[in-house]
Amino acid sequence: MQIKKITYPSPSEPYSKELLSEISKGVKTTLGTVFLKKGTRIPDKGFSKHPFNEVSIITKGCIEMLNEDESIKGCLRTGSAVYINALEAQAGNVLEDTTLIYILNENTNHKI
């Protein structure tokens, strides 16, 4: 068991802070936090995809999530949670300074 205090990156630090990362029974689980500045887009251009399933919880702020055609999928606000499948395209416009907690799970026995 590991116990870790939840802390967030400051605006002057890199936007993401990894707090814990463990591999157990072939699954890598990572816990971290993010600070996103109002007026930014994530990623800057296009869409990102990653090889792990993601759960994110918005602890403060608002992100406008986008479909691949750039239409609005919905808004993640304080108290919202989102599940993103591995290799699912994701992008968003940050409408307010935003903090979130993320959990990533990746099967290390075989790559997607």
PDB file of N, CA and C in Angstrom:
ATOM      1  N   MET A   1       0.852  -1.176   0.000  1.00  0.00           N
ATOM      2  CA  MET A   1       0.000   0.000   0.000  1.00  0.00           C
ATOM      3  C   MET A   1       0.895   1.237   0.000  1.00  0.00           C
ATOM      4  N   GLN A   2       0.521   2.194  -0.814  1.00  0.00           N
ATOM      5  CA  GLN A   2       1.190   3.493  -0.814  1.00  0.00           C
ATOM      6  C   GLN A   2       0.149   4.564  -0.520  1.00  0.00           C
ATOM      7  N   ILE A   3       0.530   5.505   0.301  1.00  0.00           N
ATOM      8  CA  ILE A   3      -0.342   6.640   0.599  1.00  0.00           C
ATOM      9  C   ILE A   3       0.371   7.883   0.102  1.00  0.00           C
ATOM     10  N   LYS A   4      -0.328   8.692  -0.642  1.00  0.00           N
ATOM     11  CA  LYS A   4       0.277   9.875  -1.252  1.00  0.00           C
ATOM     12  C   LYS A   4      -0.670  11.055  -1.123  1.00  0.00           C
ATOM     13  N   LYS A   5      -0.141  12.202  -0.760  1.00  0.00           N
ATOM     14  CA  LYS A   5      -0.930  13.434  -0.702  1.00  0.00           C
ATOM     15  C   LYS A   5      -1.179  13.915  -2.132  1.00  0.00           C
ATOM     16  N   ILE A   6      -2.405  14.317  -2.405  1.00  0.00           N
ATOM     17  CA  ILE A   6      -2.745  14.855  -3.724  1.00  0.00           C
ATOM     18  C   ILE A   6      -2.239  16.292  -3.800  1.00  0.00           C
ATOM     19  N   THR A   7      -1.341  16.539  -4.743  1.00  0.00           N
ATOM     20  CA  THR A   7      -0.842  17.885  -5.008  1.00  0.00           C
ATOM     21  C   THR A   7      -0.960  18.132  -6.507  1.00  0.00           C
ATOM     22  N   TYR A   8      -1.055  19.389  -6.867  1.00  0.00           N
ATOM     23  CA  TYR A   8      -1.216  19.773  -8.266  1.00  0.00           C
ATOM     24  C   TYR A   8       0.002  20.563  -8.724  1.00  0.00           C
ATOM     25  N   PRO A   9       0.321  20.483 -10.017  1.00  0.00           N
ATOM     26  CA  PRO A   9       1.392  21.322 -10.537  1.00  0.00           C
ATOM     27  C   PRO A   9       1.008  22.797 -10.393  1.00  0.00           C
ATOM     28  N   SER A  10       1.988  23.635 -10.145  1.00  0.00           N
ATOM     29  CA  SER A  10       1.725  25.076 -10.127  1.00  0.00           C
ATOM     30  C   SER A  10       1.738  25.569 -11.572  1.00  0.00           C
ATOM     31  N   PRO A  11       1.188  26.754 -11.826  1.00  0.00           N
ATOM     32  CA  PRO A  11       1.180  27.273 -13.198  1.00  0.00           C
ATOM     33  C   PRO A  11       2.575  27.382 -13.820  1.00  0.00           C
ATOM     34  N   SER A  12       3.629  27.464 -13.000  1.00  0.00           N
ATOM     35  CA  SER A  12       4.984  27.596 -13.538  1.00  0.00           C
ATOM     36  C   SER A  12       5.661  26.240 -13.773  1.00  0.00           C
ATOM     37  N   GLU A  13       5.038  25.138 -13.353  1.00  0.00           N
ATOM     38  CA  GLU A  13       5.598  23.798 -13.533  1.00  0.00           C
ATOM     39  C   GLU A  13       5.007  23.151 -14.784  1.00  0.00           C
ATOM     40  N   PRO A  14       5.596  22.016 -15.221  1.00  0.00           N
ATOM     41  CA  PRO A  14       4.942  21.261 -16.296  1.00  0.00           C
ATOM     42  C   PRO A  14       3.501  20.958 -15.898  1.00  0.00           C
ATOM     43  N   TYR A  15       2.605  20.873 -16.880  1.00  0.00           N
ATOM     44  CA  TYR A  15       1.168  20.802 -16.589  1.00  0.00           C
ATOM     45  C   TYR A  15       0.739  19.520 -15.889  1.00  0.00           C
ATOM     46  N   SER A  16       1.551  18.450 -15.949  1.00  0.00           N
ATOM     47  CA  SER A  16       1.164  17.155 -15.388  1.00  0.00           C
ATOM     48  C   SER A  16       2.148  16.719 -14.308  1.00  0.00           C
ATOM     49  N   LYS A  17       1.617  16.134 -13.235  1.00  0.00           N
ATOM     50  CA  LYS A  17       2.447  15.650 -12.131  1.00  0.00           C
ATOM     51  C   LYS A  17       2.046  14.209 -11.818  1.00  0.00           C
ATOM     52  N   GLU A  18       2.975  13.268 -12.045  1.00  0.00           N
ATOM     53  CA  GLU A  18       2.721  11.863 -11.714  1.00  0.00           C
ATOM     54  C   GLU A  18       2.953  11.661 -10.225  1.00  0.00           C
ATOM     55  N   LEU A  19       1.965  11.101  -9.534  1.00  0.00           N
ATOM     56  CA  LEU A  19       2.063  10.898  -8.090  1.00  0.00           C
ATOM     57  C   LEU A  19       2.413   9.459  -7.726  1.00  0.00           C
ATOM     58  N   LEU A  20       1.833   8.493  -8.413  1.00  0.00           N
ATOM     59  CA  LEU A  20       2.077   7.070  -8.154  1.00  0.00           C
ATOM     60  C   LEU A  20       2.072   6.309  -9.464  1.00  0.00           C
ATOM     61  N   SER A  21       2.876   5.248  -9.534  1.00  0.00           N
ATOM     62  CA  SER A  21       2.837   4.356 -10.686  1.00  0.00           C
ATOM     63  C   SER A  21       3.286   2.978 -10.222  1.00  0.00           C
ATOM     64  N   GLU A  22       2.445   1.978 -10.431  1.00  0.00           N
ATOM     65  CA  GLU A  22       2.723   0.610  -9.987  1.00  0.00           C
ATOM     66  C   GLU A  22       2.275  -0.384 -11.045  1.00  0.00           C
ATOM     67  N   ILE A  23       3.005  -1.504 -11.125  1.00  0.00           N
ATOM     68  CA  ILE A  23       2.599  -2.611 -11.988  1.00  0.00           C
ATOM     69  C   ILE A  23       2.235  -3.786 -11.090  1.00  0.00           C
ATOM     70  N   SER A  24       1.050  -4.335 -11.312  1.00  0.00           N
ATOM     71  CA  SER A  24       0.584  -5.498 -10.561  1.00  0.00           C
ATOM     72  C   SER A  24      -0.202  -6.405 -11.495  1.00  0.00           C
ATOM     73  N   LYS A  25       0.183  -7.662 -11.534  1.00  0.00           N
ATOM     74  CA  LYS A  25      -0.519  -8.664 -12.349  1.00  0.00           C
ATOM     75  C   LYS A  25      -0.669  -8.218 -13.799  1.00  0.00           C
ATOM     76  N   GLY A  26       0.377  -7.608 -14.342  1.00  0.00           N
ATOM     77  CA  GLY A  26       0.387  -7.227 -15.743  1.00  0.00           C
ATOM     78  C   GLY A  26      -0.344  -5.948 -16.095  1.00  0.00           C
ATOM     79  N   VAL A  27      -0.805  -5.207 -15.083  1.00  0.00           N
ATOM     80  CA  VAL A  27      -1.491  -3.941 -15.335  1.00  0.00           C
ATOM     81  C   VAL A  27      -0.716  -2.814 -14.657  1.00  0.00           C
ATOM     82  N   LYS A  28      -0.337  -1.828 -15.452  1.00  0.00           N
ATOM     83  CA  LYS A  28       0.325  -0.640 -14.912  1.00  0.00           C
ATOM     84  C   LYS A  28      -0.747   0.402 -14.615  1.00  0.00           C
ATOM     85  N   THR A  29      -0.780   0.869 -13.371  1.00  0.00           N
ATOM     86  CA  THR A  29      -1.728   1.900 -12.952  1.00  0.00           C
ATOM     87  C   THR A  29      -0.941   3.137 -12.555  1.00  0.00           C
ATOM     88  N   THR A  30      -1.327   4.271 -13.092  1.00  0.00           N
ATOM     89  CA  THR A  30      -0.664   5.537 -12.802  1.00  0.00           C
ATOM     90  C   THR A  30      -1.703   6.532 -12.316  1.00  0.00           C
ATOM     91  N   LEU A  31      -1.356   7.248 -11.254  1.00  0.00           N
ATOM     92  CA  LEU A  31      -2.206   8.298 -10.691  1.00  0.00           C
ATOM     93  C   LEU A  31      -1.449   9.606 -10.792  1.00  0.00           C
ATOM     94  N   GLY A  32      -2.126  10.647 -11.233  1.00  0.00           N
ATOM     95  CA  GLY A  32      -1.478  11.941 -11.325  1.00  0.00           C
ATOM     96  C   GLY A  32      -2.483  13.073 -11.321  1.00  0.00           C
ATOM     97  N   THR A  33      -1.937  14.275 -11.379  1.00  0.00           N
ATOM     98  CA  THR A  33      -2.760  15.477 -11.408  1.00  0.00           C
ATOM     99  C   THR A  33      -2.307  16.372 -12.551  1.00  0.00           C
ATOM    100  N   VAL A  34      -3.195  17.260 -12.943  1.00  0.00           N
ATOM    101  CA  VAL A  34      -2.930  18.166 -14.060  1.00  0.00           C
ATOM    102  C   VAL A  34      -3.448  19.550 -13.703  1.00  0.00           C
ATOM    103  N   PHE A  35      -2.718  20.584 -14.147  1.00  0.00           N
ATOM    104  CA  PHE A  35      -3.208  21.964 -14.124  1.00  0.00           C
ATOM    105  C   PHE A  35      -3.225  22.451 -15.564  1.00  0.00           C
ATOM    106  N   LEU A  36      -4.375  22.953 -16.017  1.00  0.00           N
ATOM    107  CA  LEU A  36      -4.526  23.488 -17.369  1.00  0.00           C
ATOM    108  C   LEU A  36      -4.958  24.942 -17.291  1.00  0.00           C
ATOM    109  N   LYS A  37      -4.266  25.788 -18.023  1.00  0.00           N
ATOM    110  CA  LYS A  37      -4.517  27.231 -18.012  1.00  0.00           C
ATOM    111  C   LYS A  37      -5.678  27.590 -18.936  1.00  0.00           C
ATOM    112  N   LYS A  38      -6.546  28.465 -18.450  1.00  0.00           N
ATOM    113  CA  LYS A  38      -7.663  28.977 -19.248  1.00  0.00           C
ATOM    114  C   LYS A  38      -7.147  29.503 -20.584  1.00  0.00           C
ATOM    115  N   GLY A  39      -7.884  29.185 -21.658  1.00  0.00           N
ATOM    116  CA  GLY A  39      -7.528  29.689 -22.983  1.00  0.00           C
ATOM    117  C   GLY A  39      -6.617  28.773 -23.776  1.00  0.00           C
ATOM    118  N   THR A  40      -6.163  27.664 -23.186  1.00  0.00           N
ATOM    119  CA  THR A  40      -5.313  26.744 -23.927  1.00  0.00           C
ATOM    120  C   THR A  40      -6.159  25.646 -24.558  1.00  0.00           C
ATOM    121  N   ARG A  41      -5.542  24.928 -25.501  1.00  0.00           N
ATOM    122  CA  ARG A  41      -6.183  23.777 -26.137  1.00  0.00           C
ATOM    123  C   ARG A  41      -5.290  22.582 -25.871  1.00  0.00           C
ATOM    124  N   ILE A  42      -5.904  21.442 -25.567  1.00  0.00           N
ATOM    125  CA  ILE A  42      -5.120  20.234 -25.324  1.00  0.00           C
ATOM    126  C   ILE A  42      -5.527  19.145 -26.312  1.00  0.00           C
ATOM    127  N   PRO A  43      -4.596  18.646 -27.134  1.00  0.00           N
ATOM    128  CA  PRO A  43      -3.279  19.207 -27.396  1.00  0.00           C
ATOM    129  C   PRO A  43      -3.396  20.517 -28.188  1.00  0.00           C
ATOM    130  N   ASP A  44      -2.268  21.182 -28.416  1.00  0.00           N
ATOM    131  CA  ASP A  44      -2.279  22.465 -29.134  1.00  0.00           C
ATOM    132  C   ASP A  44      -2.989  22.358 -30.483  1.00  0.00           C
ATOM    133  N   LYS A  45      -2.722  21.257 -31.211  1.00  0.00           N
ATOM    134  CA  LYS A  45      -3.329  21.021 -32.525  1.00  0.00           C
ATOM    135  C   LYS A  45      -3.685  19.550 -32.634  1.00  0.00           C
ATOM    136  N   GLY A  46      -4.707  19.249 -33.397  1.00  0.00           N
ATOM    137  CA  GLY A  46      -5.070  17.861 -33.634  1.00  0.00           C
ATOM    138  C   GLY A  46      -5.652  17.184 -32.408  1.00  0.00           C
ATOM    139  N   PHE A  47      -5.445  15.867 -32.336  1.00  0.00           N
ATOM    140  CA  PHE A  47      -5.982  15.047 -31.257  1.00  0.00           C
ATOM    141  C   PHE A  47      -4.889  14.138 -30.732  1.00  0.00           C
ATOM    142  N   SER A  48      -4.950  13.817 -29.448  1.00  0.00           N
ATOM    143  CA  SER A  48      -3.992  12.873 -28.878  1.00  0.00           C
ATOM    144  C   SER A  48      -4.671  11.528 -28.663  1.00  0.00           C
ATOM    145  N   LYS A  49      -3.857  10.474 -28.696  1.00  0.00           N
ATOM    146  CA  LYS A  49      -4.306   9.109 -28.402  1.00  0.00           C
ATOM    147  C   LYS A  49      -3.204   8.465 -27.582  1.00  0.00           C
ATOM    148  N   HIS A  50      -3.581   7.637 -26.606  1.00  0.00           N
ATOM    149  CA  HIS A  50      -2.569   6.937 -25.823  1.00  0.00           C
ATOM    150  C   HIS A  50      -2.993   5.496 -25.573  1.00  0.00           C
ATOM    151  N   PRO A  51      -2.028   4.624 -25.234  1.00  0.00           N
ATOM    152  CA  PRO A  51      -2.298   3.183 -25.152  1.00  0.00           C
ATOM    153  C   PRO A  51      -2.920   2.706 -23.842  1.00  0.00           C
ATOM    154  N   PHE A  52      -3.505   3.591 -23.072  1.00  0.00           N
ATOM    155  CA  PHE A  52      -4.078   3.180 -21.790  1.00  0.00           C
ATOM    156  C   PHE A  52      -5.488   3.718 -21.638  1.00  0.00           C
ATOM    157  N   ASN A  53      -6.270   3.031 -20.824  1.00  0.00           N
ATOM    158  CA  ASN A  53      -7.596   3.515 -20.446  1.00  0.00           C
ATOM    159  C   ASN A  53      -7.411   4.605 -19.403  1.00  0.00           C
ATOM    160  N   GLU A  54      -8.232   5.634 -19.466  1.00  0.00           N
ATOM    161  CA  GLU A  54      -8.077   6.796 -18.580  1.00  0.00           C
ATOM    162  C   GLU A  54      -9.400   7.129 -17.899  1.00  0.00           C
ATOM    163  N   VAL A  55      -9.307   7.412 -16.621  1.00  0.00           N
ATOM    164  CA  VAL A  55     -10.411   8.008 -15.873  1.00  0.00           C
ATOM    165  C   VAL A  55      -9.885   9.333 -15.342  1.00  0.00           C
ATOM    166  N   SER A  56     -10.586  10.414 -15.615  1.00  0.00           N
ATOM    167  CA  SER A  56     -10.203  11.724 -15.090  1.00  0.00           C
ATOM    168  C   SER A  56     -11.377  12.332 -14.346  1.00  0.00           C
ATOM    169  N   ILE A  57     -11.062  13.007 -13.251  1.00  0.00           N
ATOM    170  CA  ILE A  57     -12.059  13.680 -12.423  1.00  0.00           C
ATOM    171  C   ILE A  57     -11.684  15.154 -12.375  1.00  0.00           C
ATOM    172  N   ILE A  58     -12.591  16.013 -12.791  1.00  0.00           N
ATOM    173  CA  ILE A  58     -12.345  17.454 -12.772  1.00  0.00           C
ATOM    174  C   ILE A  58     -12.591  17.946 -11.344  1.00  0.00           C
ATOM    175  N   THR A  59     -11.544  18.472 -10.715  1.00  0.00           N
ATOM    176  CA  THR A  59     -11.684  18.964  -9.342  1.00  0.00           C
ATOM    177  C   THR A  59     -11.969  20.459  -9.301  1.00  0.00           C
ATOM    178  N   LYS A  60     -11.656  21.148 -10.412  1.00  0.00           N
ATOM    179  CA  LYS A  60     -11.949  22.582 -10.512  1.00  0.00           C
ATOM    180  C   LYS A  60     -11.828  22.979 -11.974  1.00  0.00           C
ATOM    181  N   GLY A  61     -12.776  23.778 -12.467  1.00  0.00           N
ATOM    182  CA  GLY A  61     -12.645  24.327 -13.805  1.00  0.00           C
ATOM    183  C   GLY A  61     -13.612  23.755 -14.823  1.00  0.00           C
ATOM    184  N   CYS A  62     -13.242  23.924 -16.114  1.00  0.00           N
ATOM    185  CA  CYS A  62     -14.124  23.507 -17.206  1.00  0.00           C
ATOM    186  C   CYS A  62     -13.305  23.271 -18.474  1.00  0.00           C
ATOM    187  N   ILE A  63     -13.545  22.111 -19.100  1.00  0.00           N
ATOM    188  CA  ILE A  63     -12.919  21.773 -20.378  1.00  0.00           C
ATOM    189  C   ILE A  63     -14.028  21.416 -21.364  1.00  0.00           C
ATOM    190  N   GLU A  64     -14.007  22.053 -22.524  1.00  0.00           N
ATOM    191  CA  GLU A  64     -14.944  21.763 -23.608  1.00  0.00           C
ATOM    192  C   GLU A  64     -14.320  20.658 -24.472  1.00  0.00           C
ATOM    193  N   MET A  65     -14.870  19.446 -24.406  1.00  0.00           N
ATOM    194  CA  MET A  65     -14.311  18.311 -25.135  1.00  0.00           C
ATOM    195  C   MET A  65     -14.802  18.321 -26.584  1.00  0.00           C
ATOM    196  N   LEU A  66     -13.911  17.910 -27.502  1.00  0.00           N
ATOM    197  CA  LEU A  66     -14.191  17.998 -28.930  1.00  0.00           C
ATOM    198  C   LEU A  66     -14.273  16.635 -29.593  1.00  0.00           C
ATOM    199  N   ASN A  67     -15.163  16.531 -30.591  1.00  0.00           N
ATOM    200  CA  ASN A  67     -15.192  15.380 -31.487  1.00  0.00           C
ATOM    201  C   ASN A  67     -14.089  15.565 -32.523  1.00  0.00           C
ATOM    202  N   GLU A  68     -13.768  14.499 -33.260  1.00  0.00           N
ATOM    203  CA  GLU A  68     -12.688  14.595 -34.249  1.00  0.00           C
ATOM    204  C   GLU A  68     -12.994  15.567 -35.379  1.00  0.00           C
ATOM    205  N   ASP A  69     -14.265  15.924 -35.595  1.00  0.00           N
ATOM    206  CA  ASP A  69     -14.602  16.934 -36.600  1.00  0.00           C
ATOM    207  C   ASP A  69     -14.597  18.345 -35.996  1.00  0.00           C
ATOM    208  N   GLU A  70     -14.076  18.469 -34.760  1.00  0.00           N
ATOM    209  CA  GLU A  70     -13.960  19.729 -34.010  1.00  0.00           C
ATOM    210  C   GLU A  70     -15.282  20.219 -33.432  1.00  0.00           C
ATOM    211  N   SER A  71     -16.384  19.477 -33.627  1.00  0.00           N
ATOM    212  CA  SER A  71     -17.638  19.862 -32.977  1.00  0.00           C
ATOM    213  C   SER A  71     -17.531  19.564 -31.479  1.00  0.00           C
ATOM    214  N   ILE A  72     -18.382  20.202 -30.695  1.00  0.00           N
ATOM    215  CA  ILE A  72     -18.324  20.063 -29.239  1.00  0.00           C
ATOM    216  C   ILE A  72     -19.020  18.772 -28.809  1.00  0.00           C
ATOM    217  N   LYS A  73     -18.285  17.944 -28.069  1.00  0.00           N
ATOM    218  CA  LYS A  73     -18.829  16.684 -27.540  1.00  0.00           C
ATOM    219  C   LYS A  73     -19.563  16.926 -26.236  1.00  0.00           C
ATOM    220  N   GLY A  74     -19.040  17.859 -25.426  1.00  0.00           N
ATOM    221  CA  GLY A  74     -19.634  18.156 -24.128  1.00  0.00           C
ATOM    222  C   GLY A  74     -18.634  18.895 -23.262  1.00  0.00           C
ATOM    223  N   CYS A  75     -19.082  19.344 -22.102  1.00  0.00           N
ATOM    224  CA  CYS A  75     -18.212  20.086 -21.184  1.00  0.00           C
ATOM    225  C   CYS A  75     -17.983  19.287 -19.910  1.00  0.00           C
ATOM    226  N   LEU A  76     -16.733  19.216 -19.518  1.00  0.00           N
ATOM    227  CA  LEU A  76     -16.360  18.620 -18.236  1.00  0.00           C
ATOM    228  C   LEU A  76     -16.206  19.763 -17.249  1.00  0.00           C
ATOM    229  N   ARG A  77     -16.999  19.740 -16.197  1.00  0.00           N
ATOM    230  CA  ARG A  77     -16.986  20.805 -15.191  1.00  0.00           C
ATOM    231  C   ARG A  77     -16.597  20.233 -13.835  1.00  0.00           C
ATOM    232  N   THR A  78     -16.371  21.117 -12.879  1.00  0.00           N
ATOM    233  CA  THR A  78     -16.050  20.698 -11.521  1.00  0.00           C
ATOM    234  C   THR A  78     -17.007  19.593 -11.082  1.00  0.00           C
ATOM    235  N   GLY A  79     -16.437  18.487 -10.621  1.00  0.00           N
ATOM    236  CA  GLY A  79     -17.240  17.356 -10.167  1.00  0.00           C
ATOM    237  C   GLY A  79     -17.552  16.331 -11.238  1.00  0.00           C
ATOM    238  N   SER A  80     -17.190  16.604 -12.499  1.00  0.00           N
ATOM    239  CA  SER A  80     -17.428  15.651 -13.591  1.00  0.00           C
ATOM    240  C   SER A  80     -16.318  14.606 -13.632  1.00  0.00           C
ATOM    241  N   ALA A  81     -16.679  13.428 -14.129  1.00  0.00           N
ATOM    242  CA  ALA A  81     -15.703  12.372 -14.382  1.00  0.00           C
ATOM    243  C   ALA A  81     -15.868  11.920 -15.824  1.00  0.00           C
ATOM    244  N   VAL A  82     -14.766  11.459 -16.427  1.00  0.00           N
ATOM    245  CA  VAL A  82     -14.807  10.983 -17.804  1.00  0.00           C
ATOM    246  C   VAL A  82     -13.972   9.710 -17.908  1.00  0.00           C
ATOM    247  N   TYR A  83     -14.444   8.771 -18.720  1.00  0.00           N
ATOM    248  CA  TYR A  83     -13.694   7.561 -19.046  1.00  0.00           C
ATOM    249  C   TYR A  83     -13.322   7.647 -20.516  1.00  0.00           C
ATOM    250  N   ILE A  84     -12.040   7.431 -20.825  1.00  0.00           N
ATOM    251  CA  ILE A  84     -11.553   7.484 -22.203  1.00  0.00           C
ATOM    252  C   ILE A  84     -10.868   6.154 -22.498  1.00  0.00           C
ATOM    253  N   ASN A  85     -11.339   5.457 -23.529  1.00  0.00           N
ATOM    254  CA  ASN A  85     -10.743   4.184 -23.927  1.00  0.00           C
ATOM    255  C   ASN A  85      -9.336   4.372 -24.471  1.00  0.00           C
ATOM    256  N   ALA A  86      -8.523   3.344 -24.362  1.00  0.00           N
ATOM    257  CA  ALA A  86      -7.205   3.348 -24.988  1.00  0.00           C
ATOM    258  C   ALA A  86      -7.370   3.627 -26.480  1.00  0.00           C
ATOM    259  N   LEU A  87      -6.502   4.462 -27.011  1.00  0.00           N
ATOM    260  CA  LEU A  87      -6.458   4.847 -28.425  1.00  0.00           C
ATOM    261  C   LEU A  87      -7.656   5.663 -28.903  1.00  0.00           C
ATOM    262  N   GLU A  88      -8.497   6.128 -27.990  1.00  0.00           N
ATOM    263  CA  GLU A  88      -9.606   7.014 -28.362  1.00  0.00           C
ATOM    264  C   GLU A  88      -9.071   8.438 -28.528  1.00  0.00           C
ATOM    265  N   ALA A  89      -9.420   9.084 -29.633  1.00  0.00           N
ATOM    266  CA  ALA A  89      -8.971  10.455 -29.884  1.00  0.00           C
ATOM    267  C   ALA A  89      -9.572  11.395 -28.846  1.00  0.00           C
ATOM    268  N   GLN A  90      -8.744  12.335 -28.384  1.00  0.00           N
ATOM    269  CA  GLN A  90      -9.233  13.298 -27.400  1.00  0.00           C
ATOM    270  C   GLN A  90      -8.590  14.662 -27.620  1.00  0.00           C
ATOM    271  N   ALA A  91      -9.392  15.705 -27.386  1.00  0.00           N
ATOM    272  CA  ALA A  91      -8.919  17.084 -27.448  1.00  0.00           C
ATOM    273  C   ALA A  91      -9.943  17.949 -26.741  1.00  0.00           C
ATOM    274  N   GLY A  92      -9.501  19.120 -26.296  1.00  0.00           N
ATOM    275  CA  GLY A  92     -10.433  20.008 -25.623  1.00  0.00           C
ATOM    276  C   GLY A  92      -9.924  21.430 -25.521  1.00  0.00           C
ATOM    277  N   ASN A  93     -10.863  22.341 -25.339  1.00  0.00           N
ATOM    278  CA  ASN A  93     -10.559  23.747 -25.086  1.00  0.00           C
ATOM    279  C   ASN A  93     -10.757  24.011 -23.597  1.00  0.00           C
ATOM    280  N   VAL A  94      -9.761  24.605 -22.969  1.00  0.00           N
ATOM    281  CA  VAL A  94      -9.825  24.876 -21.532  1.00  0.00           C
ATOM    282  C   VAL A  94     -10.513  26.226 -21.341  1.00  0.00           C
ATOM    283  N   LEU A  95     -11.739  26.205 -20.807  1.00  0.00           N
ATOM    284  CA  LEU A  95     -12.549  27.418 -20.668  1.00  0.00           C
ATOM    285  C   LEU A  95     -12.298  28.152 -19.354  1.00  0.00           C
ATOM    286  N   GLU A  96     -11.778  27.447 -18.351  1.00  0.00           N
ATOM    287  CA  GLU A  96     -11.425  28.032 -17.050  1.00  0.00           C
ATOM    288  C   GLU A  96     -10.142  27.356 -16.586  1.00  0.00           C
ATOM    289  N   ASP A  97      -9.338  28.034 -15.755  1.00  0.00           N
ATOM    290  CA  ASP A  97      -8.218  27.333 -15.136  1.00  0.00           C
ATOM    291  C   ASP A  97      -8.773  26.042 -14.547  1.00  0.00           C
ATOM    292  N   THR A  98      -8.125  24.918 -14.844  1.00  0.00           N
ATOM    293  CA  THR A  98      -8.682  23.613 -14.493  1.00  0.00           C
ATOM    294  C   THR A  98      -7.650  22.734 -13.808  1.00  0.00           C
ATOM    295  N   THR A  99      -8.082  22.039 -12.757  1.00  0.00           N
ATOM    296  CA  THR A  99      -7.278  20.987 -12.144  1.00  0.00           C
ATOM    297  C   THR A  99      -8.060  19.688 -12.243  1.00  0.00           C
ATOM    298  N   LEU A 100      -7.319  18.601 -12.427  1.00  0.00           N
ATOM    299  CA  LEU A 100      -7.965  17.296 -12.493  1.00  0.00           C
ATOM    300  C   LEU A 100      -7.050  16.227 -11.926  1.00  0.00           C
ATOM    301  N   ILE A 101      -7.659  15.121 -11.543  1.00  0.00           N
ATOM    302  CA  ILE A 101      -6.955  13.922 -11.103  1.00  0.00           C
ATOM    303  C   ILE A 101      -7.185  12.867 -12.176  1.00  0.00           C
ATOM    304  N   TYR A 102      -6.104  12.173 -12.587  1.00  0.00           N
ATOM    305  CA  TYR A 102      -6.263  11.122 -13.588  1.00  0.00           C
ATOM    306  C   TYR A 102      -5.737   9.785 -13.072  1.00  0.00           C
ATOM    307  N   ILE A 103      -6.346   8.720 -13.588  1.00  0.00           N
ATOM    308  CA  ILE A 103      -5.897   7.356 -13.337  1.00  0.00           C
ATOM    309  C   ILE A 103      -5.783   6.683 -14.696  1.00  0.00           C
ATOM    310  N   LEU A 104      -4.608   6.113 -14.980  1.00  0.00           N
ATOM    311  CA  LEU A 104      -4.352   5.433 -16.241  1.00  0.00           C
ATOM    312  C   LEU A 104      -4.110   3.958 -15.962  1.00  0.00           C
ATOM    313  N   ASN A 105      -4.683   3.086 -16.773  1.00  0.00           N
ATOM    314  CA  ASN A 105      -4.452   1.644 -16.672  1.00  0.00           C
ATOM    315  C   ASN A 105      -3.993   1.123 -18.020  1.00  0.00           C
ATOM    316  N   GLU A 106      -2.872   0.380 -18.003  1.00  0.00           N
ATOM    317  CA  GLU A 106      -2.327  -0.177 -19.237  1.00  0.00           C
ATOM    318  C   GLU A 106      -1.944  -1.631 -19.003  1.00  0.00           C
ATOM    319  N   ASN A 107      -2.361  -2.503 -19.910  1.00  0.00           N
ATOM    320  CA  ASN A 107      -1.974  -3.904 -19.854  1.00  0.00           C
ATOM    321  C   ASN A 107      -0.532  -4.004 -20.329  1.00  0.00           C
ATOM    322  N   THR A 108       0.371  -4.442 -19.459  1.00  0.00           N
ATOM    323  CA  THR A 108       1.788  -4.521 -19.823  1.00  0.00           C
ATOM    324  C   THR A 108       2.153  -5.871 -20.428  1.00  0.00           C
ATOM    325  N   ASN A 109       1.228  -6.824 -20.425  1.00  0.00           N
ATOM    326  CA  ASN A 109       1.505  -8.148 -20.991  1.00  0.00           C
ATOM    327  C   ASN A 109       1.453  -8.147 -22.506  1.00  0.00           C
ATOM    328  N   HIS A 110       0.625  -7.283 -23.073  1.00  0.00           N
ATOM    329  CA  HIS A 110       0.573  -7.136 -24.527  1.00  0.00           C
ATOM    330  C   HIS A 110       0.179  -5.701 -24.849  1.00  0.00           C
ATOM    331  N   LYS A 111       0.780  -5.186 -25.879  1.00  0.00           N
ATOM    332  CA  LYS A 111       0.505  -3.807 -26.290  1.00  0.00           C
ATOM    333  C   LYS A 111      -0.648  -3.794 -27.273  1.00  0.00           C
ATOM    334  N   ILE A 112      -1.399  -2.701 -27.213  1.00  0.00           N
ATOM    335  CA  ILE A 112      -2.551  -2.537 -28.111  1.00  0.00           C
ATOM    336  C   ILE A 112      -2.051  -2.165 -29.485  1.00  0.00           C
TER     337      ILE A 112
END
